[in-house]
């Protein structure tokens, strides 16, 4: 086999592995988001809400009963917008600002309300 042929096979193999990895990660993200409403898995608390382009599923990150952050499990809104809104809300919560006092983020209102809805559901489970 020539060097060019081996290189082509190596690149092809790498592309196949990359595509398989993407498929597995996508399938995992999809299945994690299914049916998470009102589910509590030991230390995991999930909440869901309706965003601009579909369902938003979030996990509350806890240390004991203390809120430490938010993990996005599923969302369909534009990544950049979603991440900006989520980060802003998370920072406000970590500063101790109550959920109902966090200001609406203009230009991303549906995403904001979907995240708030998911967080309200998650915090309701935490407070049971």
Protein backbone atom coordinates (compact mmCIF):
# COMPACT_ATOMS: atom_id res chain seq x y z
CA UNK A 1 0.00 0.00 0.00
CA UNK A 2 1.27 3.46 -0.80
CA UNK A 3 1.60 6.23 1.80
CA UNK A 4 -1.26 8.18 0.22
CA UNK A 5 -3.56 5.16 0.34
CA UNK A 6 -2.74 4.49 4.00
CA UNK A 7 -3.29 8.13 4.87
CA UNK A 8 -6.66 8.07 3.08
CA UNK A 9 -7.70 4.95 5.04
CA UNK A 10 -6.58 6.60 8.28
CA UNK A 11 -8.59 9.72 7.56
CA UNK A 12 -11.61 7.63 6.55
CA UNK A 13 -11.35 5.64 9.79
CA UNK A 14 -11.11 8.82 11.82
CA UNK A 15 -14.17 10.31 10.09
CA UNK A 16 -16.17 7.14 10.74
CA UNK A 17 -15.20 7.18 14.44
CA UNK A 18 -16.08 10.87 14.71
CA UNK A 19 -19.51 10.31 13.12
CA UNK A 20 -20.18 7.34 15.42
CA UNK A 21 -19.19 9.40 18.46
CA UNK A 22 -21.58 12.18 17.41
CA UNK A 23 -24.40 9.68 16.91
CA UNK A 24 -23.83 8.09 20.33
CA UNK A 25 -23.62 11.46 22.11
CA UNK A 26 -26.72 12.74 20.31
CA UNK A 27 -28.69 9.61 21.15
CA UNK A 28 -27.58 9.85 24.77
CA UNK A 29 -28.65 13.50 25.01
CA UNK A 30 -32.00 12.69 23.38
CA UNK A 31 -32.80 9.76 25.65
CA UNK A 32 -31.74 11.61 28.81
CA UNK A 33 -34.35 14.25 28.08
CA UNK A 34 -37.26 11.85 27.64
CA UNK A 35 -39.85 11.80 30.38
CA UNK A 36 -37.85 13.69 32.99
CA UNK A 37 -40.79 15.73 34.28
CA UNK A 38 -41.20 15.27 38.02
CA UNK A 39 -38.51 12.60 38.22
CA UNK A 40 -36.01 12.59 41.06
CA UNK A 41 -33.02 10.24 40.82
CA UNK A 42 -31.33 10.16 44.23
CA UNK A 43 -29.41 13.45 44.11
CA UNK A 44 -30.61 14.43 40.64
CA UNK A 45 -33.47 16.85 40.19
CA UNK A 46 -34.85 17.65 36.75
CA UNK A 47 -37.30 20.22 35.49
CA UNK A 48 -38.74 20.92 32.06
CA UNK A 49 -40.21 23.92 30.32
CA UNK A 50 -41.26 25.09 26.89
CA UNK A 51 -38.65 27.18 25.07
CA UNK A 52 -38.85 29.06 21.79
CA UNK A 53 -38.20 26.00 19.61
CA UNK A 54 -39.23 23.15 21.90
CA UNK A 55 -38.80 21.49 25.26
CA UNK A 56 -36.05 22.51 27.65
CA UNK A 57 -34.89 19.97 30.26
CA UNK A 58 -32.53 21.10 33.00
CA UNK A 59 -30.85 19.39 35.91
CA UNK A 60 -30.26 21.26 39.15
CA UNK A 61 -26.72 20.73 40.39
CA UNK A 62 -26.78 20.36 44.15
CA UNK A 63 -24.31 19.92 46.94
CA UNK A 64 -26.43 18.43 49.69
CA UNK A 65 -29.50 20.65 49.54
CA UNK A 66 -27.55 23.70 48.35
CA UNK A 67 -27.97 24.90 44.77
CA UNK A 68 -24.64 24.96 42.91
CA UNK A 69 -25.62 25.32 39.26
CA UNK A 70 -27.65 24.22 36.26
CA UNK A 71 -26.92 21.58 33.65
CA UNK A 72 -28.78 21.69 30.32
CA UNK A 73 -29.98 18.20 29.41
CA UNK A 74 -32.09 19.07 26.37
CA UNK A 75 -32.92 22.23 24.45
CA UNK A 76 -33.80 23.15 20.88
CA UNK A 77 -33.36 26.92 20.95
CA UNK A 78 -30.34 28.55 19.30
CA UNK A 79 -27.28 27.46 21.30
CA UNK A 80 -25.73 30.91 21.67
CA UNK A 81 -28.96 32.52 22.86
CA UNK A 82 -29.83 29.59 25.14
CA UNK A 83 -26.38 29.52 26.75
CA UNK A 84 -26.36 33.30 27.33
CA UNK A 85 -29.78 33.20 29.00
CA UNK A 86 -28.95 30.11 31.07
CA UNK A 87 -25.62 31.58 32.23
CA UNK A 88 -27.24 34.89 33.20
CA UNK A 89 -30.00 33.17 35.19
CA UNK A 90 -27.52 30.79 36.84
CA UNK A 91 -25.25 33.70 37.91
CA UNK A 92 -28.23 35.56 39.39
CA UNK A 93 -29.35 32.48 41.33
CA UNK A 94 -25.83 31.93 42.66
CA UNK A 95 -25.81 35.58 43.83
CA UNK A 96 -28.92 34.75 45.89
CA UNK A 97 -31.45 36.53 43.68
CA UNK A 98 -34.81 34.71 43.98
CA UNK A 99 -36.06 33.09 40.78
CA UNK A 100 -39.14 35.33 40.63
CA UNK A 101 -36.95 38.47 40.80
CA UNK A 102 -34.63 37.61 37.91
CA UNK A 103 -35.24 40.08 35.11
CA UNK A 104 -36.61 38.97 31.75
CA UNK A 105 -33.92 38.86 29.09
CA UNK A 106 -35.18 40.83 26.11
CA UNK A 107 -34.72 39.29 22.69
CA UNK A 108 -34.88 35.81 24.20
CA UNK A 109 -38.16 35.96 26.08
CA UNK A 110 -39.46 32.47 25.17
CA UNK A 111 -36.11 30.89 26.03
CA UNK A 112 -36.05 32.82 29.32
CA UNK A 113 -39.57 31.68 30.29
CA UNK A 114 -38.81 28.07 29.29
CA UNK A 115 -35.72 28.03 31.51
CA UNK A 116 -37.62 29.68 34.38
CA UNK A 117 -40.45 27.12 34.01
CA UNK A 118 -37.95 24.23 34.13
CA UNK A 119 -36.22 25.72 37.17
CA UNK A 120 -39.52 26.29 38.98
CA UNK A 121 -40.37 22.63 38.44
CA UNK A 122 -36.96 21.53 39.68
CA UNK A 123 -37.01 23.78 42.76
CA UNK A 124 -40.56 22.57 43.56
CA UNK A 125 -39.17 19.03 43.75
CA UNK A 126 -36.31 20.20 45.94
CA UNK A 127 -38.76 21.83 48.34
CA UNK A 128 -40.98 18.73 48.72
